[in-house]
Amino acid sequence: MVELFLGKVLVKNNKDRDELDTEREITLRLQNRILMLFFGSGECERCQEFAPTLKDFYKRLTDEFYVERSAQLVLLFVSMDETEEKQEKFLKDLPKRCLFLPYEDSYRKELEVMFEVEETPTVVVLRPDGSVLSPNAVEEISSLGPDCYQNWQEAAELIDRNFMLAEEFDESKMRSLTDPLRRLKYKVETKKKKRATDDDDDDDEEEGGGKGPWG
């Protein structure tokens, strides 16, 4: 997925509009992460309605106020606005941590064709290898909220043990961890009992072997 944006300029939606324009910067930002490509426009009423939901979704997964560690997730806005001024206005409704392509970059149109975007809003979700995980996750984000990230994480095979909740370590899982030890203990005890039984049988044979049928 990183290869899709090498040689491009990605801009941070912060006050300074910092740019990621080197291979190293882009790789560090996108590698081993799930990427959401948000195709939208400030002129689109449905996009305006969806923007607060998307902003809250992304903040709850990446803002340290809500999580101890940011999710392996990147949001990239691909503007379909008719003018740069309209793009700038709509960016104010999006998360400060998201990225976007410069308005003058024609690659926006290429991405639109590449992912067969036919309506707005559209959120294309990509695995780290660049394959499509979801062609449009707008409904999923709207209905499930941040919970749908776990589904993406598992589907993308991005299992991060640091995100496991404490309650997942329930009694059944703890038992499963000790099962091998208990099975080993059972085998050892069984062997000891069998050996003791064999010794008793040998003693009986020796005692009986020294006497005739009449004592």
N, C-alpha and C. Protein backbone atom coordinates (compact mmCIF):
# COMPACT_ATOMS: atom_id res chain seq x y z
N MET A 1 0.82 -1.20 0.00
CA MET A 1 0.00 0.00 0.00
C MET A 1 0.86 1.26 0.00
N VAL A 2 2.01 1.17 0.65
CA VAL A 2 2.93 2.31 0.67
C VAL A 2 3.30 2.74 -0.74
N GLU A 3 3.46 1.73 -1.63
CA GLU A 3 3.89 2.00 -3.01
C GLU A 3 2.90 2.91 -3.74
N LEU A 4 1.64 2.90 -3.33
CA LEU A 4 0.64 3.75 -3.98
C LEU A 4 0.96 5.23 -3.87
N PHE A 5 1.72 5.59 -2.82
CA PHE A 5 1.93 7.01 -2.55
C PHE A 5 3.39 7.44 -2.57
N LEU A 6 4.28 6.54 -2.93
CA LEU A 6 5.68 6.94 -3.08
C LEU A 6 5.80 7.91 -4.25
N GLY A 7 6.54 8.98 -4.04
CA GLY A 7 6.67 9.99 -5.09
C GLY A 7 5.57 11.05 -5.03
N LYS A 8 4.62 10.86 -4.11
CA LYS A 8 3.54 11.83 -3.93
C LYS A 8 3.79 12.69 -2.70
N VAL A 9 2.99 13.72 -2.54
CA VAL A 9 3.07 14.57 -1.35
C VAL A 9 1.77 14.40 -0.58
N LEU A 10 1.90 14.02 0.68
CA LEU A 10 0.74 13.90 1.56
C LEU A 10 0.82 15.03 2.58
N VAL A 11 -0.29 15.70 2.79
CA VAL A 11 -0.30 16.87 3.66
C VAL A 11 -1.09 16.56 4.93
N LYS A 12 -0.53 16.97 6.07
CA LYS A 12 -1.23 16.79 7.34
C LYS A 12 -2.28 17.90 7.50
N ASN A 13 -3.42 17.53 8.04
CA ASN A 13 -4.50 18.50 8.21
C ASN A 13 -4.35 19.26 9.53
N ASN A 14 -3.15 19.74 9.78
CA ASN A 14 -2.91 20.52 11.00
C ASN A 14 -2.71 21.99 10.64
N LYS A 15 -2.45 22.79 11.63
CA LYS A 15 -2.33 24.22 11.42
C LYS A 15 -1.18 24.57 10.48
N ASP A 16 -0.06 23.86 10.61
CA ASP A 16 1.12 24.17 9.80
C ASP A 16 1.10 23.49 8.44
N ARG A 17 0.15 22.57 8.23
CA ARG A 17 0.06 21.83 6.96
C ARG A 17 1.41 21.19 6.61
N ASP A 18 1.93 20.44 7.56
CA ASP A 18 3.20 19.75 7.34
C ASP A 18 3.06 18.74 6.21
N GLU A 19 4.12 18.60 5.43
CA GLU A 19 4.08 17.71 4.27
C GLU A 19 4.95 16.47 4.48
N LEU A 20 4.44 15.35 4.01
CA LEU A 20 5.22 14.12 3.95
C LEU A 20 5.57 13.94 2.48
N ASP A 21 6.83 14.14 2.15
CA ASP A 21 7.19 14.10 0.72
C ASP A 21 8.43 13.24 0.43
N THR A 22 8.94 12.57 1.45
CA THR A 22 10.08 11.68 1.19
C THR A 22 9.62 10.24 1.36
N GLU A 23 10.36 9.33 0.75
CA GLU A 23 10.02 7.91 0.86
C GLU A 23 10.02 7.45 2.31
N ARG A 24 10.99 7.93 3.07
CA ARG A 24 11.09 7.53 4.47
C ARG A 24 9.88 8.01 5.27
N GLU A 25 9.47 9.27 5.08
CA GLU A 25 8.34 9.82 5.82
C GLU A 25 7.04 9.09 5.49
N ILE A 26 6.83 8.84 4.20
CA ILE A 26 5.59 8.18 3.77
C ILE A 26 5.56 6.73 4.25
N THR A 27 6.72 6.07 4.19
CA THR A 27 6.79 4.68 4.63
C THR A 27 6.51 4.57 6.13
N LEU A 28 7.12 5.45 6.93
CA LEU A 28 6.91 5.44 8.37
C LEU A 28 5.46 5.70 8.74
N ARG A 29 4.79 6.52 7.94
CA ARG A 29 3.39 6.87 8.25
C ARG A 29 2.40 5.79 7.81
N LEU A 30 2.69 5.08 6.72
CA LEU A 30 1.70 4.16 6.17
C LEU A 30 2.01 2.68 6.38
N GLN A 31 3.28 2.35 6.60
CA GLN A 31 3.66 0.94 6.68
C GLN A 31 2.98 0.21 7.83
N ASN A 32 2.51 -1.02 7.54
CA ASN A 32 1.86 -1.87 8.54
C ASN A 32 0.65 -1.20 9.18
N ARG A 33 -0.09 -0.44 8.38
CA ARG A 33 -1.31 0.21 8.87
C ARG A 33 -2.46 -0.02 7.90
N ILE A 34 -3.64 0.06 8.45
CA ILE A 34 -4.85 0.03 7.63
C ILE A 34 -5.10 1.45 7.16
N LEU A 35 -5.40 1.60 5.88
CA LEU A 35 -5.61 2.94 5.32
C LEU A 35 -7.06 3.12 4.90
N MET A 36 -7.65 4.23 5.34
CA MET A 36 -8.99 4.61 4.91
C MET A 36 -8.87 5.76 3.91
N LEU A 37 -9.35 5.52 2.71
CA LEU A 37 -9.39 6.58 1.70
C LEU A 37 -10.80 7.15 1.69
N PHE A 38 -10.91 8.38 2.14
CA PHE A 38 -12.22 9.02 2.21
C PHE A 38 -12.43 9.91 0.99
N PHE A 39 -13.30 9.47 0.11
CA PHE A 39 -13.65 10.25 -1.08
C PHE A 39 -14.90 11.06 -0.75
N GLY A 40 -14.75 12.37 -0.77
CA GLY A 40 -15.89 13.20 -0.40
C GLY A 40 -15.77 14.61 -0.92
N SER A 41 -16.82 15.39 -0.65
CA SER A 41 -16.86 16.76 -1.11
C SER A 41 -17.69 17.59 -0.15
N GLY A 42 -17.26 18.83 0.06
CA GLY A 42 -17.99 19.72 0.94
C GLY A 42 -19.34 20.12 0.37
N GLU A 43 -19.50 19.97 -0.93
CA GLU A 43 -20.77 20.31 -1.57
C GLU A 43 -21.78 19.17 -1.46
N CYS A 44 -21.31 18.00 -1.07
CA CYS A 44 -22.17 16.83 -0.94
C CYS A 44 -22.85 16.85 0.43
N GLU A 45 -24.17 16.86 0.44
CA GLU A 45 -24.91 16.92 1.71
C GLU A 45 -24.67 15.68 2.57
N ARG A 46 -24.62 14.52 1.93
CA ARG A 46 -24.38 13.28 2.67
C ARG A 46 -22.97 13.27 3.27
N CYS A 47 -22.01 13.86 2.58
CA CYS A 47 -20.65 13.96 3.09
C CYS A 47 -20.61 14.86 4.33
N GLN A 48 -21.36 15.95 4.28
CA GLN A 48 -21.42 16.86 5.41
C GLN A 48 -22.04 16.17 6.63
N GLU A 49 -23.03 15.33 6.39
CA GLU A 49 -23.69 14.61 7.48
C GLU A 49 -22.78 13.52 8.04
N PHE A 50 -21.97 12.90 7.18
CA PHE A 50 -21.10 11.80 7.59
C PHE A 50 -19.82 12.29 8.27
N ALA A 51 -19.37 13.48 7.94
CA ALA A 51 -18.10 14.01 8.45
C ALA A 51 -17.97 13.97 9.98
N PRO A 52 -18.98 14.40 10.75
CA PRO A 52 -18.84 14.34 12.23
C PRO A 52 -18.71 12.90 12.74
N THR A 53 -19.41 11.97 12.09
CA THR A 53 -19.32 10.56 12.48
C THR A 53 -17.92 10.02 12.22
N LEU A 54 -17.38 10.35 11.05
CA LEU A 54 -16.04 9.89 10.69
C LEU A 54 -14.99 10.51 11.61
N LYS A 55 -15.16 11.78 11.93
CA LYS A 55 -14.22 12.48 12.81
C LYS A 55 -14.20 11.85 14.19
N ASP A 56 -15.38 11.57 14.74
CA ASP A 56 -15.47 10.94 16.05
C ASP A 56 -14.89 9.52 16.03
N PHE A 57 -15.19 8.79 14.96
CA PHE A 57 -14.67 7.42 14.78
C PHE A 57 -13.15 7.41 14.82
N TYR A 58 -12.55 8.31 14.06
CA TYR A 58 -11.09 8.34 13.95
C TYR A 58 -10.44 8.82 15.25
N LYS A 59 -11.04 9.81 15.89
CA LYS A 59 -10.49 10.32 17.16
C LYS A 59 -10.51 9.25 18.24
N ARG A 60 -11.57 8.49 18.30
CA ARG A 60 -11.70 7.48 19.36
C ARG A 60 -10.73 6.32 19.17
N LEU A 61 -10.17 6.19 17.99
CA LEU A 61 -9.20 5.12 17.73
C LEU A 61 -7.75 5.60 17.72
N THR A 62 -7.54 6.91 17.57
CA THR A 62 -6.17 7.40 17.43
C THR A 62 -5.78 8.47 18.44
N ASP A 63 -6.73 9.04 19.13
CA ASP A 63 -6.45 10.11 20.08
C ASP A 63 -6.13 9.51 21.45
N GLU A 64 -4.99 9.89 22.03
CA GLU A 64 -4.56 9.35 23.32
C GLU A 64 -5.53 9.68 24.46
N PHE A 65 -6.44 10.60 24.21
CA PHE A 65 -7.45 10.92 25.22
C PHE A 65 -8.41 9.75 25.40
N TYR A 66 -8.60 8.98 24.30
CA TYR A 66 -9.54 7.86 24.33
C TYR A 66 -8.85 6.51 24.44
N VAL A 67 -7.66 6.38 23.90
CA VAL A 67 -6.95 5.10 23.91
C VAL A 67 -5.54 5.27 24.43
N GLU A 68 -5.00 4.21 25.04
CA GLU A 68 -3.64 4.28 25.55
C GLU A 68 -2.62 4.33 24.42
N ARG A 69 -2.97 3.68 23.31
CA ARG A 69 -2.06 3.64 22.19
C ARG A 69 -2.86 3.76 20.90
N SER A 70 -2.40 4.60 19.99
CA SER A 70 -3.13 4.85 18.75
C SER A 70 -3.26 3.59 17.90
N ALA A 71 -4.43 3.43 17.28
CA ALA A 71 -4.66 2.29 16.40
C ALA A 71 -3.78 2.39 15.17
N GLN A 72 -3.54 1.23 14.55
CA GLN A 72 -2.73 1.18 13.32
C GLN A 72 -3.63 1.56 12.14
N LEU A 73 -3.99 2.83 12.12
CA LEU A 73 -5.00 3.31 11.20
C LEU A 73 -4.63 4.69 10.68
N VAL A 74 -4.82 4.90 9.37
CA VAL A 74 -4.54 6.20 8.75
C VAL A 74 -5.75 6.62 7.93
N LEU A 75 -6.13 7.87 8.04
CA LEU A 75 -7.23 8.43 7.26
C LEU A 75 -6.66 9.41 6.24
N LEU A 76 -6.96 9.17 4.97
CA LEU A 76 -6.49 10.04 3.89
C LEU A 76 -7.70 10.57 3.11
N PHE A 77 -7.87 11.88 3.12
CA PHE A 77 -8.98 12.50 2.41
C PHE A 77 -8.61 12.73 0.95
N VAL A 78 -9.47 12.23 0.06
CA VAL A 78 -9.29 12.43 -1.38
C VAL A 78 -10.43 13.33 -1.83
N SER A 79 -10.11 14.59 -2.02
CA SER A 79 -11.14 15.58 -2.32
C SER A 79 -11.74 15.40 -3.71
N MET A 80 -13.07 15.57 -3.77
CA MET A 80 -13.78 15.58 -5.05
C MET A 80 -14.46 16.94 -5.23
N ASP A 81 -13.90 17.93 -4.50
CA ASP A 81 -14.44 19.29 -4.59
C ASP A 81 -14.08 19.92 -5.92
N GLU A 82 -14.87 20.90 -6.32
CA GLU A 82 -14.65 21.56 -7.61
C GLU A 82 -13.60 22.66 -7.53
N THR A 83 -13.35 23.17 -6.34
CA THR A 83 -12.33 24.21 -6.17
C THR A 83 -11.50 23.94 -4.93
N GLU A 84 -10.31 24.51 -4.88
CA GLU A 84 -9.43 24.33 -3.73
C GLU A 84 -10.03 25.01 -2.49
N GLU A 85 -10.73 26.11 -2.71
CA GLU A 85 -11.35 26.82 -1.58
C GLU A 85 -12.39 25.95 -0.89
N LYS A 86 -13.15 25.20 -1.69
CA LYS A 86 -14.18 24.32 -1.13
C LYS A 86 -13.54 23.14 -0.40
N GLN A 87 -12.41 22.68 -0.94
CA GLN A 87 -11.67 21.60 -0.27
C GLN A 87 -11.18 22.08 1.10
N GLU A 88 -10.60 23.28 1.13
CA GLU A 88 -10.08 23.83 2.37
C GLU A 88 -11.18 24.01 3.41
N LYS A 89 -12.33 24.42 2.97
CA LYS A 89 -13.45 24.62 3.88
C LYS A 89 -13.89 23.30 4.49
N PHE A 90 -13.94 22.24 3.67
CA PHE A 90 -14.40 20.94 4.15
C PHE A 90 -13.37 20.28 5.07
N LEU A 91 -12.11 20.57 4.84
CA LEU A 91 -11.05 20.00 5.68
C LEU A 91 -11.19 20.43 7.14
N LYS A 92 -11.83 21.56 7.37
CA LYS A 92 -12.03 22.03 8.74
C LYS A 92 -12.95 21.12 9.53
N ASP A 93 -13.75 20.34 8.82
CA ASP A 93 -14.69 19.41 9.47
C ASP A 93 -14.08 18.03 9.69
N LEU A 94 -12.84 17.84 9.21
CA LEU A 94 -12.20 16.53 9.31
C LEU A 94 -11.15 16.52 10.43
N PRO A 95 -10.75 15.33 10.89
CA PRO A 95 -9.77 15.23 11.98
C PRO A 95 -8.45 15.92 11.66
N LYS A 96 -7.85 16.53 12.66
CA LYS A 96 -6.57 17.20 12.47
C LYS A 96 -5.45 16.20 12.16
N ARG A 97 -5.67 14.95 12.57
CA ARG A 97 -4.63 13.92 12.35
C ARG A 97 -4.71 13.29 10.97
N CYS A 98 -5.72 13.62 10.20
CA CYS A 98 -5.85 12.98 8.89
C CYS A 98 -4.88 13.61 7.88
N LEU A 99 -4.70 12.93 6.77
CA LEU A 99 -3.86 13.41 5.67
C LEU A 99 -4.75 13.73 4.47
N PHE A 100 -4.19 14.48 3.54
CA PHE A 100 -4.92 14.72 2.29
C PHE A 100 -3.94 14.98 1.16
N LEU A 101 -4.42 14.80 -0.05
CA LEU A 101 -3.61 15.08 -1.24
C LEU A 101 -3.83 16.54 -1.65
N PRO A 102 -2.78 17.23 -2.08
CA PRO A 102 -2.94 18.61 -2.54
C PRO A 102 -3.98 18.68 -3.66
N TYR A 103 -4.72 19.76 -3.69
CA TYR A 103 -5.79 19.89 -4.67
C TYR A 103 -5.26 19.80 -6.10
N GLU A 104 -4.07 20.33 -6.32
CA GLU A 104 -3.53 20.36 -7.69
C GLU A 104 -3.01 19.01 -8.16
N ASP A 105 -3.00 18.02 -7.27
CA ASP A 105 -2.47 16.71 -7.62
C ASP A 105 -3.55 15.90 -8.36
N SER A 106 -3.32 15.61 -9.62
CA SER A 106 -4.29 14.87 -10.44
C SER A 106 -4.43 13.41 -10.00
N TYR A 107 -3.55 12.98 -9.09
CA TYR A 107 -3.61 11.61 -8.60
C TYR A 107 -4.93 11.34 -7.89
N ARG A 108 -5.59 12.40 -7.44
CA ARG A 108 -6.91 12.26 -6.81
C ARG A 108 -7.88 11.58 -7.76
N LYS A 109 -7.85 12.01 -9.02
CA LYS A 109 -8.74 11.43 -10.03
C LYS A 109 -8.35 9.99 -10.35
N GLU A 110 -7.05 9.74 -10.35
CA GLU A 110 -6.58 8.38 -10.63
C GLU A 110 -7.06 7.41 -9.54
N LEU A 111 -7.01 7.84 -8.31
CA LEU A 111 -7.48 6.99 -7.21
C LEU A 111 -8.98 6.75 -7.31
N GLU A 112 -9.70 7.76 -7.74
CA GLU A 112 -11.14 7.64 -7.92
C GLU A 112 -11.47 6.55 -8.94
N VAL A 113 -10.72 6.53 -10.02
CA VAL A 113 -10.92 5.51 -11.06
C VAL A 113 -10.41 4.15 -10.59
N MET A 114 -9.25 4.15 -9.96
CA MET A 114 -8.62 2.91 -9.50
C MET A 114 -9.55 2.12 -8.58
N PHE A 115 -10.24 2.82 -7.69
CA PHE A 115 -11.10 2.14 -6.71
C PHE A 115 -12.58 2.22 -7.06
N GLU A 116 -12.85 2.62 -8.31
CA GLU A 116 -14.20 2.57 -8.87
C GLU A 116 -15.21 3.28 -7.98
N VAL A 117 -14.85 4.48 -7.57
CA VAL A 117 -15.73 5.27 -6.71
C VAL A 117 -16.88 5.85 -7.55
N GLU A 118 -18.11 5.50 -7.17
CA GLU A 118 -19.27 5.92 -7.94
C GLU A 118 -20.20 6.84 -7.15
N GLU A 119 -19.95 6.97 -5.84
CA GLU A 119 -20.81 7.83 -5.03
C GLU A 119 -20.00 8.45 -3.90
N THR A 120 -20.56 9.49 -3.34
CA THR A 120 -19.94 10.11 -2.16
C THR A 120 -21.00 10.19 -1.06
N PRO A 121 -20.59 9.98 0.18
CA PRO A 121 -19.21 9.66 0.60
C PRO A 121 -18.88 8.20 0.37
N THR A 122 -17.60 7.94 0.13
CA THR A 122 -17.08 6.57 0.02
C THR A 122 -15.81 6.48 0.87
N VAL A 123 -15.73 5.42 1.67
CA VAL A 123 -14.51 5.15 2.44
C VAL A 123 -13.98 3.79 2.02
N VAL A 124 -12.93 3.80 1.23
CA VAL A 124 -12.28 2.55 0.80
C VAL A 124 -11.25 2.18 1.87
N VAL A 125 -11.36 0.96 2.38
CA VAL A 125 -10.44 0.51 3.43
C VAL A 125 -9.44 -0.47 2.81
N LEU A 126 -8.15 -0.17 2.97
CA LEU A 126 -7.08 -0.97 2.38
C LEU A 126 -6.26 -1.68 3.45
N ARG A 127 -5.88 -2.91 3.16
CA ARG A 127 -4.93 -3.63 4.00
C ARG A 127 -3.53 -3.06 3.77
N PRO A 128 -2.58 -3.38 4.65
CA PRO A 128 -1.21 -2.90 4.45
C PRO A 128 -0.59 -3.32 3.12
N ASP A 129 -1.06 -4.44 2.55
CA ASP A 129 -0.50 -4.89 1.27
C ASP A 129 -1.16 -4.21 0.08
N GLY A 130 -2.13 -3.32 0.34
CA GLY A 130 -2.77 -2.58 -0.73
C GLY A 130 -4.06 -3.19 -1.23
N SER A 131 -4.39 -4.40 -0.80
CA SER A 131 -5.63 -5.03 -1.24
C SER A 131 -6.82 -4.39 -0.53
N VAL A 132 -7.98 -4.45 -1.18
CA VAL A 132 -9.18 -3.81 -0.65
C VAL A 132 -9.82 -4.68 0.42
N LEU A 133 -9.96 -4.10 1.60
CA LEU A 133 -10.62 -4.79 2.71
C LEU A 133 -12.12 -4.50 2.68
N SER A 134 -12.46 -3.26 2.34
CA SER A 134 -13.86 -2.86 2.17
C SER A 134 -13.96 -1.80 1.09
N PRO A 135 -14.80 -2.02 0.07
CA PRO A 135 -14.92 -1.03 -1.02
C PRO A 135 -15.62 0.24 -0.58
N ASN A 136 -16.47 0.14 0.45
CA ASN A 136 -17.11 1.33 1.02
C ASN A 136 -17.61 1.01 2.42
N ALA A 137 -16.93 1.57 3.42
CA ALA A 137 -17.23 1.25 4.82
C ALA A 137 -18.08 2.31 5.50
N VAL A 138 -18.73 3.17 4.73
CA VAL A 138 -19.52 4.25 5.31
C VAL A 138 -20.62 3.71 6.23
N GLU A 139 -21.38 2.73 5.74
CA GLU A 139 -22.47 2.17 6.54
C GLU A 139 -21.93 1.45 7.77
N GLU A 140 -20.82 0.74 7.60
CA GLU A 140 -20.22 0.00 8.72
C GLU A 140 -19.75 0.95 9.81
N ILE A 141 -19.10 2.03 9.42
CA ILE A 141 -18.63 3.03 10.38
C ILE A 141 -19.81 3.69 11.08
N SER A 142 -20.86 3.99 10.33
CA SER A 142 -22.02 4.66 10.89
C SER A 142 -22.78 3.78 11.88
N SER A 143 -22.85 2.48 11.60
CA SER A 143 -23.64 1.58 12.44
C SER A 143 -22.85 0.99 13.61
N LEU A 144 -21.57 0.64 13.37
CA LEU A 144 -20.77 -0.02 14.40
C LEU A 144 -19.83 0.91 15.15
N GLY A 145 -19.50 2.03 14.55
CA GLY A 145 -18.55 2.93 15.19
C GLY A 145 -17.17 2.30 15.30
N PRO A 146 -16.40 2.66 16.33
CA PRO A 146 -15.03 2.14 16.50
C PRO A 146 -14.94 0.62 16.60
N ASP A 147 -16.06 -0.04 16.93
CA ASP A 147 -16.02 -1.50 17.07
C ASP A 147 -15.65 -2.20 15.76
N CYS A 148 -15.93 -1.57 14.63
CA CYS A 148 -15.64 -2.23 13.36
C CYS A 148 -14.14 -2.30 13.09
N TYR A 149 -13.34 -1.50 13.81
CA TYR A 149 -11.89 -1.55 13.60
C TYR A 149 -11.32 -2.92 13.95
N GLN A 150 -11.86 -3.55 14.99
CA GLN A 150 -11.36 -4.87 15.37
C GLN A 150 -11.58 -5.87 14.24
N ASN A 151 -12.71 -5.76 13.54
CA ASN A 151 -12.97 -6.64 12.40
C ASN A 151 -11.94 -6.41 11.30
N TRP A 152 -11.62 -5.15 11.05
CA TRP A 152 -10.61 -4.83 10.03
C TRP A 152 -9.25 -5.34 10.46
N GLN A 153 -8.95 -5.15 11.72
CA GLN A 153 -7.65 -5.55 12.24
C GLN A 153 -7.42 -7.05 12.05
N GLU A 154 -8.44 -7.83 12.36
CA GLU A 154 -8.34 -9.28 12.23
C GLU A 154 -8.30 -9.69 10.77
N ALA A 155 -9.13 -9.05 9.94
CA ALA A 155 -9.16 -9.37 8.51
C ALA A 155 -7.84 -9.02 7.83
N ALA A 156 -7.18 -7.98 8.32
CA ALA A 156 -5.90 -7.56 7.75
C ALA A 156 -4.73 -8.28 8.40
N GLU A 157 -5.05 -9.18 9.37
CA GLU A 157 -4.03 -9.93 10.10
C GLU A 157 -3.05 -8.98 10.80
N LEU A 158 -3.63 -7.95 11.41
CA LEU A 158 -2.85 -6.96 12.15
C LEU A 158 -3.08 -7.16 13.64
N ILE A 159 -3.04 -8.41 14.11
CA ILE A 159 -3.32 -8.68 15.50
C ILE A 159 -2.22 -8.11 16.39
N ASP A 160 -2.60 -7.11 17.16
CA ASP A 160 -1.67 -6.46 18.08
C ASP A 160 -2.08 -6.82 19.50
N ARG A 161 -1.27 -7.59 20.17
CA ARG A 161 -1.63 -8.07 21.51
C ARG A 161 -1.80 -6.93 22.52
N ASN A 162 -1.25 -5.77 22.24
CA ASN A 162 -1.39 -4.66 23.17
C ASN A 162 -2.81 -4.12 23.21
N PHE A 163 -3.62 -4.49 22.21
CA PHE A 163 -4.99 -4.02 22.17
C PHE A 163 -5.96 -4.99 22.83
N MET A 164 -5.46 -6.14 23.31
CA MET A 164 -6.34 -7.11 23.95
C MET A 164 -6.85 -6.55 25.27
N LEU A 165 -8.12 -6.69 25.51
CA LEU A 165 -8.70 -6.18 26.74
C LEU A 165 -8.44 -7.13 27.89
N ALA A 166 -8.38 -6.56 29.09
CA ALA A 166 -8.06 -7.37 30.27
C ALA A 166 -9.08 -8.46 30.50
N GLU A 167 -10.35 -8.18 30.17
CA GLU A 167 -11.38 -9.18 30.44
C GLU A 167 -11.26 -10.39 29.52
N GLU A 168 -10.46 -10.29 28.48
CA GLU A 168 -10.29 -11.44 27.59
C GLU A 168 -9.50 -12.54 28.28
N PHE A 169 -8.74 -12.19 29.29
CA PHE A 169 -7.97 -13.19 30.03
C PHE A 169 -8.86 -13.79 31.12
N ASP A 170 -9.95 -14.43 30.71
CA ASP A 170 -10.87 -14.99 31.68
C ASP A 170 -10.37 -16.34 32.17
N GLU A 171 -11.17 -16.93 33.04
CA GLU A 171 -10.77 -18.18 33.68
C GLU A 171 -10.53 -19.30 32.69
N SER A 172 -11.36 -19.35 31.64
CA SER A 172 -11.21 -20.43 30.67
C SER A 172 -9.88 -20.35 29.94
N LYS A 173 -9.46 -19.10 29.63
CA LYS A 173 -8.20 -18.94 28.93
C LYS A 173 -7.03 -19.28 29.84
N MET A 174 -7.16 -18.93 31.13
CA MET A 174 -6.10 -19.27 32.07
C MET A 174 -5.99 -20.79 32.23
N ARG A 175 -7.14 -21.46 32.19
CA ARG A 175 -7.11 -22.92 32.27
C ARG A 175 -6.41 -23.50 31.06
N SER A 176 -6.67 -22.89 29.89
CA SER A 176 -6.04 -23.41 28.67
C SER A 176 -4.53 -23.28 28.73
N LEU A 177 -4.05 -22.24 29.43
CA LEU A 177 -2.61 -22.06 29.55
C LEU A 177 -1.96 -23.11 30.44
N THR A 178 -2.73 -23.60 31.44
CA THR A 178 -2.17 -24.58 32.38
C THR A 178 -2.47 -26.02 31.98
N ASP A 179 -3.27 -26.20 30.93
CA ASP A 179 -3.61 -27.56 30.50
C ASP A 179 -2.39 -28.43 30.22
N PRO A 180 -1.40 -27.95 29.47
CA PRO A 180 -0.24 -28.80 29.20
C PRO A 180 0.46 -29.26 30.47
N LEU A 181 0.57 -28.38 31.49
CA LEU A 181 1.22 -28.75 32.74
C LEU A 181 0.42 -29.80 33.48
N ARG A 182 -0.92 -29.62 33.48
CA ARG A 182 -1.75 -30.59 34.18
C ARG A 182 -1.72 -31.95 33.50
N ARG A 183 -1.66 -31.94 32.16
CA ARG A 183 -1.60 -33.21 31.44
C ARG A 183 -0.28 -33.92 31.72
N LEU A 184 0.81 -33.13 31.79
CA LEU A 184 2.12 -33.71 32.08
C LEU A 184 2.13 -34.31 33.49
N LYS A 185 1.55 -33.59 34.44
CA LYS A 185 1.50 -34.07 35.82
C LYS A 185 0.69 -35.36 35.89
N TYR A 186 -0.40 -35.42 35.13
CA TYR A 186 -1.24 -36.61 35.12
C TYR A 186 -0.47 -37.81 34.58
N LYS A 187 0.31 -37.58 33.50
CA LYS A 187 1.09 -38.68 32.91
C LYS A 187 2.13 -39.20 33.89
N VAL A 188 2.81 -38.29 34.61
CA VAL A 188 3.84 -38.69 35.57
C VAL A 188 3.22 -39.51 36.70
N GLU A 189 2.07 -39.02 37.21
CA GLU A 189 1.41 -39.73 38.30
C GLU A 189 0.92 -41.09 37.86
N THR A 190 0.44 -41.20 36.64
CA THR A 190 -0.04 -42.48 36.11
C THR A 190 1.11 -43.48 36.00
N LYS A 191 2.25 -43.00 35.52
CA LYS A 191 3.41 -43.87 35.40
C LYS A 191 3.87 -44.36 36.77
N LYS A 192 3.83 -43.47 37.78
CA LYS A 192 4.23 -43.86 39.13
C LYS A 192 3.32 -44.94 39.67
N LYS A 193 2.00 -44.77 39.47
CA LYS A 193 1.04 -45.76 39.95
C LYS A 193 1.23 -47.10 39.25
N LYS A 194 1.49 -47.07 37.95
CA LYS A 194 1.69 -48.31 37.19
C LYS A 194 2.95 -49.02 37.66
N ARG A 195 4.01 -48.26 37.92
CA ARG A 195 5.25 -48.85 38.38
C ARG A 195 5.07 -49.50 39.76
N ALA A 196 4.33 -48.82 40.64
CA ALA A 196 4.08 -49.37 41.97
C ALA A 196 3.27 -50.66 41.89
N THR A 197 2.31 -50.71 40.99
CA THR A 197 1.49 -51.93 40.80
C THR A 197 2.34 -53.07 40.30
N ASP A 198 3.23 -52.80 39.34
CA ASP A 198 4.11 -53.84 38.79
C ASP A 198 5.03 -54.39 39.87
N ASP A 199 5.53 -53.52 40.76
CA ASP A 199 6.42 -53.97 41.84
C ASP A 199 5.69 -54.88 42.81
N ASP A 200 4.44 -54.57 43.11
CA ASP A 200 3.64 -55.40 44.01
C ASP A 200 3.41 -56.78 43.41
N ASP A 201 3.16 -56.83 42.09
CA ASP A 201 2.94 -58.10 41.42
C ASP A 201 4.19 -58.95 41.46
N ASP A 202 5.38 -58.33 41.29
CA ASP A 202 6.65 -59.07 41.31
C ASP A 202 6.88 -59.66 42.70
N ASP A 203 6.55 -58.92 43.76
CA ASP A 203 6.73 -59.42 45.12
C ASP A 203 5.85 -60.62 45.40
N ASP A 204 4.63 -60.59 44.90
CA ASP A 204 3.71 -61.71 45.09
C ASP A 204 4.22 -62.96 44.42
N GLU A 205 4.80 -62.79 43.20
CA GLU A 205 5.31 -63.95 42.47
C GLU A 205 6.50 -64.56 43.20
N GLU A 206 7.38 -63.72 43.77
CA GLU A 206 8.56 -64.25 44.49
C GLU A 206 8.12 -65.00 45.74
N GLU A 207 7.12 -64.49 46.48
CA GLU A 207 6.67 -65.16 47.69
C GLU A 207 6.01 -66.49 47.36
N GLY A 208 5.26 -66.54 46.32
CA GLY A 208 4.55 -67.77 45.97
C GLY A 208 5.46 -68.80 45.33
N GLY A 209 6.58 -68.35 44.73
CA GLY A 209 7.46 -69.27 44.00
C GLY A 209 8.29 -70.14 44.89
N GLY A 210 8.48 -69.84 46.21
CA GLY A 210 9.36 -70.62 47.10
C GLY A 210 8.66 -71.75 47.81
N LYS A 211 7.34 -71.94 47.62
CA LYS A 211 6.57 -72.96 48.35
C LYS A 211 5.94 -73.93 47.35
N GLY A 212 5.79 -75.22 47.82
CA GLY A 212 5.14 -76.24 46.99
C GLY A 212 3.64 -76.15 47.19
N PRO A 213 2.87 -77.03 46.51
CA PRO A 213 1.43 -76.99 46.59
C PRO A 213 0.93 -77.36 48.00
N TRP A 214 1.80 -78.14 48.79
CA TRP A 214 1.36 -78.50 50.17
C TRP A 214 2.07 -77.67 51.24
N GLY A 215 2.71 -76.53 50.85
CA GLY A 215 3.40 -75.70 51.84
C GLY A 215 4.70 -76.31 52.18
